[in-house]
Amino acid sequence: MSRIGNKPIPVPDKVEIARSGDTLKVKGPRGELEVAVAGGLNVEVADGFVTVKAEQSGKGVKASHGLVRMLIANSIQGVTEGFARTLEIVGTGYKAELAGKDALKMSLGYSHPIEFPLPEGVKATVEARGTRLTLEGIDKQVIGETAANIRKLRAPDSYKGKGVRFSTERIRLKPGKSGGAAKG
């Protein structure tokens, strides 16, 4: 049995949870999310807690027990508080700016600016002269995937550290060439 899967999830007062078939709908003040419930799992909502129980034992059920529990917990947190991911843009002339509500325009050292369309449900704010980018939304997976795709546009260089990085990421810089004596 999964230890994480057995933990009950507290449900705040302002969150409504309804099950229809194999999906669980979580509705809160920030929006609504759906979670797919794998077969062999039973989700119960009672006394302000959500519990996920495995109806049968098996490798597939064991593997998805903790996953479904965490997806439900993340959905509850997303519709109440939301999620945010911060990126830092490091480099001379590297910057980002908003191009409307649903796109970013970034200068990342290429010969042309890059237009990055934001997925639905993701809000971006640009701070600190275009070098700090914060992505906010209710779906943790979409926020993380969007941040990873932005980072992929110009991954941090291992020699100078230039590029797009997560704010919590620390880059270990490699030493440059050593100017050794000429061999003769």
N, C-alpha and C. Protein backbone atom coordinates (compact mmCIF):
# COMPACT_ATOMS: atom_id res chain seq x y z
N MET A 1 0.83 -1.18 0.00
CA MET A 1 0.00 0.00 0.00
C MET A 1 0.88 1.25 0.00
N SER A 2 0.37 2.28 -0.61
CA SER A 2 1.09 3.54 -0.68
C SER A 2 0.92 4.30 0.63
N ARG A 3 2.00 4.79 1.19
CA ARG A 3 1.90 5.57 2.42
C ARG A 3 1.33 6.95 2.14
N ILE A 4 1.74 7.53 1.02
CA ILE A 4 1.20 8.85 0.66
C ILE A 4 -0.26 8.73 0.28
N GLY A 5 -0.62 7.68 -0.43
CA GLY A 5 -1.99 7.49 -0.87
C GLY A 5 -2.98 7.33 0.27
N ASN A 6 -2.54 6.87 1.42
CA ASN A 6 -3.43 6.65 2.55
C ASN A 6 -3.70 7.91 3.36
N LYS A 7 -2.89 8.96 3.18
CA LYS A 7 -3.08 10.19 3.96
C LYS A 7 -4.35 10.91 3.52
N PRO A 8 -5.21 11.30 4.45
CA PRO A 8 -6.41 12.06 4.08
C PRO A 8 -6.05 13.49 3.68
N ILE A 9 -6.84 14.05 2.78
CA ILE A 9 -6.61 15.41 2.28
C ILE A 9 -7.66 16.33 2.90
N PRO A 10 -7.26 17.35 3.65
CA PRO A 10 -8.26 18.28 4.19
C PRO A 10 -8.84 19.14 3.07
N VAL A 11 -10.15 19.36 3.14
CA VAL A 11 -10.84 20.17 2.13
C VAL A 11 -11.31 21.47 2.79
N PRO A 12 -10.85 22.64 2.31
CA PRO A 12 -11.33 23.91 2.86
C PRO A 12 -12.83 24.10 2.60
N ASP A 13 -13.43 25.01 3.37
CA ASP A 13 -14.88 25.24 3.26
C ASP A 13 -15.30 25.75 1.89
N LYS A 14 -14.46 26.53 1.26
CA LYS A 14 -14.84 27.16 -0.02
C LYS A 14 -14.61 26.26 -1.24
N VAL A 15 -14.25 24.99 -1.03
CA VAL A 15 -13.98 24.07 -2.13
C VAL A 15 -15.10 23.04 -2.21
N GLU A 16 -15.58 22.83 -3.45
CA GLU A 16 -16.61 21.83 -3.70
C GLU A 16 -15.99 20.71 -4.54
N ILE A 17 -16.28 19.45 -4.13
CA ILE A 17 -15.75 18.30 -4.85
C ILE A 17 -16.92 17.42 -5.27
N ALA A 18 -16.95 17.08 -6.56
CA ALA A 18 -18.01 16.21 -7.08
C ALA A 18 -17.37 15.16 -7.98
N ARG A 19 -17.88 13.94 -7.88
CA ARG A 19 -17.36 12.86 -8.71
C ARG A 19 -18.40 12.48 -9.74
N SER A 20 -17.93 12.37 -10.98
CA SER A 20 -18.81 11.91 -12.06
C SER A 20 -18.02 10.90 -12.90
N GLY A 21 -18.36 9.64 -12.73
CA GLY A 21 -17.66 8.59 -13.47
C GLY A 21 -16.23 8.43 -13.00
N ASP A 22 -15.28 8.52 -13.92
CA ASP A 22 -13.87 8.37 -13.59
C ASP A 22 -13.16 9.70 -13.38
N THR A 23 -13.90 10.79 -13.25
CA THR A 23 -13.28 12.09 -13.03
C THR A 23 -13.80 12.70 -11.73
N LEU A 24 -12.94 13.48 -11.12
CA LEU A 24 -13.27 14.20 -9.90
C LEU A 24 -13.17 15.68 -10.22
N LYS A 25 -14.25 16.43 -10.00
CA LYS A 25 -14.24 17.87 -10.29
C LYS A 25 -14.03 18.63 -9.00
N VAL A 26 -13.02 19.48 -9.00
CA VAL A 26 -12.67 20.30 -7.84
C VAL A 26 -12.93 21.75 -8.22
N LYS A 27 -13.84 22.40 -7.48
CA LYS A 27 -14.22 23.79 -7.79
C LYS A 27 -13.94 24.65 -6.57
N GLY A 28 -13.28 25.79 -6.81
CA GLY A 28 -12.93 26.70 -5.73
C GLY A 28 -13.01 28.14 -6.19
N PRO A 29 -12.53 29.06 -5.34
CA PRO A 29 -12.63 30.49 -5.68
C PRO A 29 -11.80 30.91 -6.90
N ARG A 30 -10.74 30.20 -7.23
CA ARG A 30 -9.89 30.58 -8.37
C ARG A 30 -10.27 29.89 -9.66
N GLY A 31 -11.08 28.83 -9.60
CA GLY A 31 -11.46 28.14 -10.83
C GLY A 31 -11.87 26.71 -10.57
N GLU A 32 -11.84 25.93 -11.64
CA GLU A 32 -12.27 24.54 -11.58
C GLU A 32 -11.27 23.65 -12.29
N LEU A 33 -10.96 22.49 -11.69
CA LEU A 33 -10.04 21.53 -12.28
C LEU A 33 -10.67 20.15 -12.24
N GLU A 34 -10.22 19.29 -13.14
CA GLU A 34 -10.68 17.91 -13.17
C GLU A 34 -9.49 16.97 -12.98
N VAL A 35 -9.72 15.91 -12.21
CA VAL A 35 -8.69 14.91 -11.96
C VAL A 35 -9.23 13.56 -12.40
N ALA A 36 -8.48 12.85 -13.22
CA ALA A 36 -8.88 11.50 -13.65
C ALA A 36 -8.52 10.51 -12.54
N VAL A 37 -9.49 9.68 -12.15
CA VAL A 37 -9.28 8.68 -11.12
C VAL A 37 -9.08 7.33 -11.80
N ALA A 38 -7.96 6.70 -11.50
CA ALA A 38 -7.62 5.41 -12.13
C ALA A 38 -8.56 4.32 -11.63
N GLY A 39 -8.74 3.30 -12.45
CA GLY A 39 -9.56 2.16 -12.07
C GLY A 39 -8.95 1.42 -10.89
N GLY A 40 -9.79 0.89 -10.03
CA GLY A 40 -9.31 0.18 -8.85
C GLY A 40 -9.13 1.06 -7.65
N LEU A 41 -9.42 2.35 -7.79
CA LEU A 41 -9.31 3.29 -6.68
C LEU A 41 -10.69 3.84 -6.34
N ASN A 42 -10.94 4.05 -5.07
CA ASN A 42 -12.21 4.60 -4.61
C ASN A 42 -11.92 5.91 -3.88
N VAL A 43 -12.57 6.99 -4.30
CA VAL A 43 -12.38 8.30 -3.68
C VAL A 43 -13.63 8.62 -2.86
N GLU A 44 -13.42 8.91 -1.58
CA GLU A 44 -14.53 9.23 -0.69
C GLU A 44 -14.35 10.64 -0.14
N VAL A 45 -15.44 11.40 -0.12
CA VAL A 45 -15.44 12.74 0.44
C VAL A 45 -16.39 12.72 1.63
N ALA A 46 -15.85 12.94 2.84
CA ALA A 46 -16.68 12.94 4.05
C ALA A 46 -15.99 13.72 5.15
N ASP A 47 -16.78 14.45 5.95
CA ASP A 47 -16.30 15.18 7.13
C ASP A 47 -15.15 16.14 6.83
N GLY A 48 -15.18 16.77 5.67
CA GLY A 48 -14.15 17.74 5.32
C GLY A 48 -12.82 17.13 4.90
N PHE A 49 -12.80 15.84 4.58
CA PHE A 49 -11.58 15.18 4.13
C PHE A 49 -11.87 14.34 2.90
N VAL A 50 -10.86 14.22 2.05
CA VAL A 50 -10.93 13.32 0.89
C VAL A 50 -9.96 12.18 1.16
N THR A 51 -10.43 10.95 1.00
CA THR A 51 -9.55 9.80 1.16
C THR A 51 -9.58 8.98 -0.12
N VAL A 52 -8.42 8.46 -0.48
CA VAL A 52 -8.29 7.61 -1.66
C VAL A 52 -7.94 6.21 -1.16
N LYS A 53 -8.77 5.24 -1.51
CA LYS A 53 -8.55 3.86 -1.05
C LYS A 53 -8.42 2.95 -2.27
N ALA A 54 -7.54 1.98 -2.14
CA ALA A 54 -7.36 0.99 -3.20
C ALA A 54 -8.36 -0.13 -2.98
N GLU A 55 -9.21 -0.38 -3.98
CA GLU A 55 -10.22 -1.44 -3.87
C GLU A 55 -9.59 -2.81 -4.06
N GLN A 56 -8.55 -2.88 -4.85
CA GLN A 56 -7.90 -4.15 -5.12
C GLN A 56 -6.40 -3.93 -5.07
N SER A 57 -5.66 -5.01 -4.94
CA SER A 57 -4.21 -4.88 -4.91
C SER A 57 -3.65 -5.30 -6.26
N GLY A 58 -2.61 -4.69 -6.64
CA GLY A 58 -1.98 -4.98 -7.91
C GLY A 58 -0.94 -3.92 -8.21
N LYS A 59 -0.04 -4.24 -9.11
CA LYS A 59 1.05 -3.32 -9.40
C LYS A 59 0.55 -1.99 -9.95
N GLY A 60 -0.41 -2.02 -10.87
CA GLY A 60 -0.92 -0.79 -11.46
C GLY A 60 -1.69 0.06 -10.46
N VAL A 61 -2.45 -0.59 -9.59
CA VAL A 61 -3.23 0.15 -8.59
C VAL A 61 -2.29 0.76 -7.56
N LYS A 62 -1.28 0.00 -7.13
CA LYS A 62 -0.30 0.51 -6.17
C LYS A 62 0.42 1.73 -6.73
N ALA A 63 0.77 1.66 -8.00
CA ALA A 63 1.53 2.74 -8.62
C ALA A 63 0.71 4.03 -8.73
N SER A 64 -0.58 3.90 -8.99
CA SER A 64 -1.40 5.10 -9.19
C SER A 64 -2.08 5.60 -7.92
N HIS A 65 -1.99 4.85 -6.82
CA HIS A 65 -2.66 5.24 -5.58
C HIS A 65 -2.13 6.58 -5.04
N GLY A 66 -0.81 6.67 -4.85
CA GLY A 66 -0.21 7.90 -4.36
C GLY A 66 -0.29 9.02 -5.37
N LEU A 67 -0.20 8.69 -6.65
CA LEU A 67 -0.28 9.70 -7.71
C LEU A 67 -1.63 10.39 -7.71
N VAL A 68 -2.70 9.61 -7.66
CA VAL A 68 -4.04 10.19 -7.69
C VAL A 68 -4.27 11.05 -6.45
N ARG A 69 -3.79 10.59 -5.31
CA ARG A 69 -3.93 11.37 -4.08
C ARG A 69 -3.24 12.73 -4.20
N MET A 70 -2.01 12.74 -4.75
CA MET A 70 -1.28 14.00 -4.91
C MET A 70 -1.92 14.90 -5.96
N LEU A 71 -2.46 14.32 -7.03
CA LEU A 71 -3.14 15.13 -8.04
C LEU A 71 -4.37 15.82 -7.44
N ILE A 72 -5.10 15.12 -6.59
CA ILE A 72 -6.26 15.71 -5.92
C ILE A 72 -5.81 16.80 -4.96
N ALA A 73 -4.76 16.55 -4.18
CA ALA A 73 -4.24 17.55 -3.25
C ALA A 73 -3.75 18.79 -3.99
N ASN A 74 -3.06 18.60 -5.11
CA ASN A 74 -2.58 19.75 -5.90
C ASN A 74 -3.74 20.53 -6.51
N SER A 75 -4.82 19.83 -6.89
CA SER A 75 -5.98 20.52 -7.45
C SER A 75 -6.66 21.37 -6.38
N ILE A 76 -6.77 20.83 -5.18
CA ILE A 76 -7.38 21.60 -4.08
C ILE A 76 -6.54 22.82 -3.76
N GLN A 77 -5.22 22.65 -3.71
CA GLN A 77 -4.35 23.80 -3.46
C GLN A 77 -4.41 24.81 -4.60
N GLY A 78 -4.51 24.32 -5.82
CA GLY A 78 -4.56 25.21 -6.98
C GLY A 78 -5.80 26.08 -7.03
N VAL A 79 -6.97 25.51 -6.70
CA VAL A 79 -8.20 26.30 -6.78
C VAL A 79 -8.37 27.21 -5.57
N THR A 80 -7.58 27.00 -4.50
CA THR A 80 -7.67 27.90 -3.35
C THR A 80 -6.55 28.94 -3.36
N GLU A 81 -5.30 28.51 -3.48
CA GLU A 81 -4.15 29.42 -3.41
C GLU A 81 -3.51 29.69 -4.76
N GLY A 82 -3.46 28.69 -5.63
CA GLY A 82 -2.80 28.82 -6.91
C GLY A 82 -1.33 28.45 -6.80
N PHE A 83 -0.64 28.40 -7.93
CA PHE A 83 0.76 28.06 -7.98
C PHE A 83 1.51 29.15 -8.73
N ALA A 84 2.78 29.32 -8.40
CA ALA A 84 3.62 30.30 -9.09
C ALA A 84 5.01 29.71 -9.31
N ARG A 85 5.62 30.08 -10.41
CA ARG A 85 6.98 29.64 -10.72
C ARG A 85 7.72 30.86 -11.24
N THR A 86 8.91 31.13 -10.70
CA THR A 86 9.68 32.32 -11.06
C THR A 86 10.91 31.92 -11.86
N LEU A 87 11.14 32.64 -12.96
CA LEU A 87 12.31 32.44 -13.81
C LEU A 87 13.16 33.71 -13.80
N GLU A 88 14.46 33.54 -13.88
CA GLU A 88 15.37 34.67 -13.98
C GLU A 88 16.06 34.62 -15.33
N ILE A 89 16.18 35.79 -15.94
CA ILE A 89 16.85 35.89 -17.24
C ILE A 89 18.17 36.61 -17.02
N VAL A 90 19.28 35.92 -17.28
CA VAL A 90 20.61 36.44 -16.99
C VAL A 90 21.37 36.60 -18.30
N GLY A 91 21.92 37.77 -18.51
CA GLY A 91 22.74 38.02 -19.70
C GLY A 91 22.57 39.46 -20.18
N THR A 92 23.58 40.00 -20.78
CA THR A 92 23.54 41.36 -21.28
C THR A 92 22.55 41.45 -22.45
N GLY A 93 21.54 42.30 -22.29
CA GLY A 93 20.55 42.48 -23.33
C GLY A 93 19.44 41.44 -23.32
N TYR A 94 19.51 40.45 -22.45
CA TYR A 94 18.47 39.44 -22.35
C TYR A 94 17.32 40.01 -21.53
N LYS A 95 16.11 39.93 -22.06
CA LYS A 95 14.96 40.46 -21.32
C LYS A 95 13.67 39.86 -21.87
N ALA A 96 12.61 40.04 -21.10
CA ALA A 96 11.29 39.59 -21.51
C ALA A 96 10.31 40.72 -21.28
N GLU A 97 9.26 40.75 -22.09
CA GLU A 97 8.18 41.74 -21.90
C GLU A 97 6.88 41.11 -22.37
N LEU A 98 5.80 41.61 -21.83
CA LEU A 98 4.49 41.09 -22.20
C LEU A 98 4.09 41.61 -23.57
N ALA A 99 3.57 40.74 -24.40
CA ALA A 99 3.05 41.12 -25.71
C ALA A 99 1.56 40.77 -25.69
N GLY A 100 0.77 41.66 -25.10
CA GLY A 100 -0.64 41.37 -24.92
C GLY A 100 -0.84 40.57 -23.64
N LYS A 101 -2.03 39.98 -23.48
CA LYS A 101 -2.31 39.21 -22.27
C LYS A 101 -1.81 37.78 -22.35
N ASP A 102 -1.70 37.25 -23.56
CA ASP A 102 -1.43 35.83 -23.68
C ASP A 102 -0.15 35.50 -24.45
N ALA A 103 0.85 36.38 -24.39
CA ALA A 103 2.11 36.10 -25.08
C ALA A 103 3.26 36.86 -24.42
N LEU A 104 4.44 36.31 -24.59
CA LEU A 104 5.67 36.95 -24.12
C LEU A 104 6.56 37.23 -25.32
N LYS A 105 7.26 38.34 -25.27
CA LYS A 105 8.25 38.68 -26.29
C LYS A 105 9.59 38.74 -25.58
N MET A 106 10.52 37.88 -26.01
CA MET A 106 11.80 37.77 -25.30
C MET A 106 12.98 38.00 -26.24
N SER A 107 13.97 38.70 -25.72
CA SER A 107 15.25 38.86 -26.40
C SER A 107 16.25 38.01 -25.65
N LEU A 108 16.73 36.94 -26.28
CA LEU A 108 17.60 36.00 -25.60
C LEU A 108 18.92 35.77 -26.33
N GLY A 109 19.41 36.81 -27.01
CA GLY A 109 20.70 36.70 -27.66
C GLY A 109 20.67 36.18 -29.07
N TYR A 110 19.50 35.87 -29.58
CA TYR A 110 19.39 35.44 -30.97
C TYR A 110 19.22 36.68 -31.86
N SER A 111 19.25 36.50 -33.16
CA SER A 111 19.16 37.63 -34.08
C SER A 111 17.74 38.18 -34.18
N HIS A 112 16.78 37.51 -33.57
CA HIS A 112 15.38 37.92 -33.64
C HIS A 112 14.73 37.74 -32.27
N PRO A 113 13.71 38.54 -31.97
CA PRO A 113 12.98 38.32 -30.71
C PRO A 113 12.11 37.06 -30.81
N ILE A 114 11.88 36.44 -29.69
CA ILE A 114 11.10 35.20 -29.65
C ILE A 114 9.72 35.51 -29.07
N GLU A 115 8.67 35.13 -29.81
CA GLU A 115 7.29 35.25 -29.33
C GLU A 115 6.92 33.91 -28.71
N PHE A 116 6.53 33.92 -27.44
CA PHE A 116 6.12 32.70 -26.76
C PHE A 116 4.66 32.83 -26.33
N PRO A 117 3.76 32.05 -26.95
CA PRO A 117 2.35 32.12 -26.55
C PRO A 117 2.13 31.40 -25.22
N LEU A 118 1.42 32.03 -24.30
CA LEU A 118 1.12 31.42 -23.02
C LEU A 118 -0.12 30.54 -23.13
N PRO A 119 -0.11 29.37 -22.52
CA PRO A 119 -1.29 28.51 -22.55
C PRO A 119 -2.44 29.13 -21.75
N GLU A 120 -3.62 28.63 -21.99
CA GLU A 120 -4.80 29.13 -21.30
C GLU A 120 -4.68 28.83 -19.80
N GLY A 121 -5.00 29.81 -18.98
CA GLY A 121 -4.93 29.63 -17.53
C GLY A 121 -3.61 30.04 -16.91
N VAL A 122 -2.65 30.50 -17.72
CA VAL A 122 -1.35 30.93 -17.21
C VAL A 122 -1.24 32.44 -17.36
N LYS A 123 -0.92 33.11 -16.25
CA LYS A 123 -0.75 34.57 -16.25
C LYS A 123 0.72 34.86 -15.96
N ALA A 124 1.31 35.75 -16.73
CA ALA A 124 2.72 36.09 -16.56
C ALA A 124 2.86 37.54 -16.11
N THR A 125 3.83 37.78 -15.24
CA THR A 125 4.20 39.14 -14.85
C THR A 125 5.70 39.27 -15.01
N VAL A 126 6.13 40.42 -15.52
CA VAL A 126 7.55 40.68 -15.74
C VAL A 126 7.97 41.78 -14.78
N GLU A 127 9.05 41.53 -14.04
CA GLU A 127 9.55 42.48 -13.05
C GLU A 127 11.03 42.74 -13.28
N ALA A 128 11.58 43.67 -12.55
CA ALA A 128 13.01 43.97 -12.51
C ALA A 128 13.60 44.19 -13.90
N ARG A 129 13.04 45.15 -14.61
CA ARG A 129 13.54 45.53 -15.94
C ARG A 129 13.55 44.38 -16.93
N GLY A 130 12.59 43.48 -16.80
CA GLY A 130 12.47 42.40 -17.77
C GLY A 130 13.34 41.19 -17.51
N THR A 131 13.99 41.12 -16.33
CA THR A 131 14.87 39.99 -16.06
C THR A 131 14.27 38.99 -15.09
N ARG A 132 13.11 39.26 -14.56
CA ARG A 132 12.45 38.33 -13.63
C ARG A 132 11.04 38.10 -14.13
N LEU A 133 10.71 36.84 -14.37
CA LEU A 133 9.43 36.46 -14.96
C LEU A 133 8.72 35.51 -14.00
N THR A 134 7.46 35.83 -13.64
CA THR A 134 6.68 35.00 -12.74
C THR A 134 5.46 34.48 -13.48
N LEU A 135 5.27 33.16 -13.45
CA LEU A 135 4.12 32.51 -14.06
C LEU A 135 3.17 32.07 -12.95
N GLU A 136 1.89 32.36 -13.09
CA GLU A 136 0.90 32.01 -12.08
C GLU A 136 -0.28 31.32 -12.73
N GLY A 137 -0.90 30.40 -11.98
CA GLY A 137 -2.08 29.70 -12.46
C GLY A 137 -2.57 28.70 -11.44
N ILE A 138 -3.62 27.96 -11.79
CA ILE A 138 -4.20 27.01 -10.84
C ILE A 138 -3.76 25.57 -11.08
N ASP A 139 -3.24 25.27 -12.26
CA ASP A 139 -2.83 23.91 -12.59
C ASP A 139 -1.31 23.79 -12.48
N LYS A 140 -0.85 23.02 -11.51
CA LYS A 140 0.58 22.90 -11.24
C LYS A 140 1.34 22.32 -12.42
N GLN A 141 0.76 21.35 -13.11
CA GLN A 141 1.44 20.72 -14.24
C GLN A 141 1.63 21.71 -15.39
N VAL A 142 0.61 22.51 -15.69
CA VAL A 142 0.70 23.47 -16.80
C VAL A 142 1.72 24.55 -16.48
N ILE A 143 1.76 25.02 -15.23
CA ILE A 143 2.73 26.04 -14.83
C ILE A 143 4.15 25.50 -14.97
N GLY A 144 4.40 24.30 -14.48
CA GLY A 144 5.73 23.70 -14.56
C GLY A 144 6.17 23.43 -15.98
N GLU A 145 5.24 22.95 -16.80
CA GLU A 145 5.58 22.66 -18.19
C GLU A 145 5.86 23.94 -18.97
N THR A 146 5.09 25.00 -18.72
CA THR A 146 5.32 26.28 -19.39
C THR A 146 6.67 26.86 -18.99
N ALA A 147 6.99 26.79 -17.69
CA ALA A 147 8.29 27.29 -17.22
C ALA A 147 9.44 26.51 -17.84
N ALA A 148 9.29 25.20 -17.97
CA ALA A 148 10.34 24.38 -18.58
C ALA A 148 10.51 24.70 -20.06
N ASN A 149 9.39 24.96 -20.75
CA ASN A 149 9.49 25.31 -22.18
C ASN A 149 10.15 26.66 -22.38
N ILE A 150 9.89 27.62 -21.49
CA ILE A 150 10.55 28.92 -21.58
C ILE A 150 12.05 28.76 -21.30
N ARG A 151 12.40 27.96 -20.32
CA ARG A 151 13.80 27.73 -19.99
C ARG A 151 14.53 27.07 -21.15
N LYS A 152 13.83 26.20 -21.88
CA LYS A 152 14.43 25.49 -23.02
C LYS A 152 14.82 26.43 -24.16
N LEU A 153 14.19 27.61 -24.23
CA LEU A 153 14.50 28.54 -25.31
C LEU A 153 15.96 28.99 -25.26
N ARG A 154 16.50 29.16 -24.04
CA ARG A 154 17.91 29.50 -23.87
C ARG A 154 18.34 28.97 -22.50
N ALA A 155 18.76 27.72 -22.47
CA ALA A 155 19.19 27.10 -21.21
C ALA A 155 20.45 27.81 -20.71
N PRO A 156 20.69 27.83 -19.41
CA PRO A 156 21.86 28.54 -18.88
C PRO A 156 23.17 27.95 -19.41
N ASP A 157 24.07 28.83 -19.77
CA ASP A 157 25.39 28.46 -20.26
C ASP A 157 26.24 28.01 -19.07
N SER A 158 27.01 26.98 -19.23
CA SER A 158 27.78 26.45 -18.12
C SER A 158 29.09 27.21 -17.87
N TYR A 159 29.46 28.15 -18.76
CA TYR A 159 30.69 28.91 -18.56
C TYR A 159 30.42 30.31 -18.01
N LYS A 160 29.42 31.00 -18.53
CA LYS A 160 29.12 32.35 -18.05
C LYS A 160 27.82 32.43 -17.26
N GLY A 161 26.98 31.43 -17.37
CA GLY A 161 25.71 31.42 -16.65
C GLY A 161 24.61 32.19 -17.35
N LYS A 162 24.82 32.58 -18.60
CA LYS A 162 23.82 33.35 -19.34
C LYS A 162 22.69 32.44 -19.79
N GLY A 163 21.45 32.96 -19.70
CA GLY A 163 20.31 32.20 -20.16
C GLY A 163 19.13 32.34 -19.21
N VAL A 164 18.15 31.47 -19.37
CA VAL A 164 16.95 31.49 -18.54
C VAL A 164 17.06 30.36 -17.53
N ARG A 165 16.87 30.69 -16.26
CA ARG A 165 16.95 29.68 -15.20
C ARG A 165 15.82 29.86 -14.21
N PHE A 166 15.51 28.80 -13.48
CA PHE A 166 14.54 28.89 -12.40
C PHE A 166 15.16 29.71 -11.27
N SER A 167 14.35 30.42 -10.50
CA SER A 167 14.90 31.26 -9.44
C SER A 167 15.56 30.45 -8.34
N THR A 168 15.16 29.20 -8.16
CA THR A 168 15.76 28.35 -7.14
C THR A 168 16.96 27.56 -7.65
N GLU A 169 17.23 27.65 -8.94
CA GLU A 169 18.30 26.87 -9.56
C GLU A 169 19.66 27.54 -9.35
N ARG A 170 20.65 26.75 -9.03
CA ARG A 170 22.01 27.25 -8.88
C ARG A 170 22.86 26.59 -9.96
N ILE A 171 23.56 27.41 -10.72
CA ILE A 171 24.39 26.92 -11.82
C ILE A 171 25.83 26.83 -11.35
N ARG A 172 26.43 25.67 -11.52
CA ARG A 172 27.86 25.51 -11.23
C ARG A 172 28.62 25.86 -12.49
N LEU A 173 29.37 26.95 -12.43
CA LEU A 173 30.11 27.40 -13.61
C LEU A 173 31.42 26.63 -13.75
N LYS A 174 31.73 26.27 -14.99
CA LYS A 174 32.98 25.59 -15.28
C LYS A 174 34.09 26.62 -15.39
N PRO A 175 35.30 26.23 -15.05
CA PRO A 175 36.41 27.18 -15.25
C PRO A 175 36.70 27.31 -16.75
N GLY A 176 37.12 28.48 -17.13
CA GLY A 176 37.45 28.71 -18.53
C GLY A 176 38.80 28.08 -18.87
N LYS A 177 39.27 28.38 -20.06
CA LYS A 177 40.58 27.85 -20.47
C LYS A 177 41.66 28.48 -19.62
N SER A 178 42.60 27.67 -19.24
CA SER A 178 43.74 28.22 -18.50
C SER A 178 44.80 28.63 -19.52
N GLY A 179 45.39 29.76 -19.32
CA GLY A 179 46.39 30.25 -20.27
C GLY A 179 47.75 29.63 -19.99
N GLY A 180 47.87 28.38 -20.27
CA GLY A 180 49.13 27.65 -20.01
C GLY A 180 50.26 28.17 -20.89
N ALA A 181 51.45 27.86 -20.49
CA ALA A 181 52.64 28.31 -21.25
C ALA A 181 52.68 27.62 -22.61
N ALA A 182 53.20 28.34 -23.58
CA ALA A 182 53.29 27.78 -24.93
C ALA A 182 54.39 26.72 -24.96
N LYS A 183 54.08 25.63 -25.64
CA LYS A 183 55.06 24.56 -25.74
C LYS A 183 55.97 24.81 -26.93
N GLY A 184 57.18 24.56 -26.77
CA GLY A 184 58.12 24.87 -27.84
C GLY A 184 59.02 23.80 -28.20
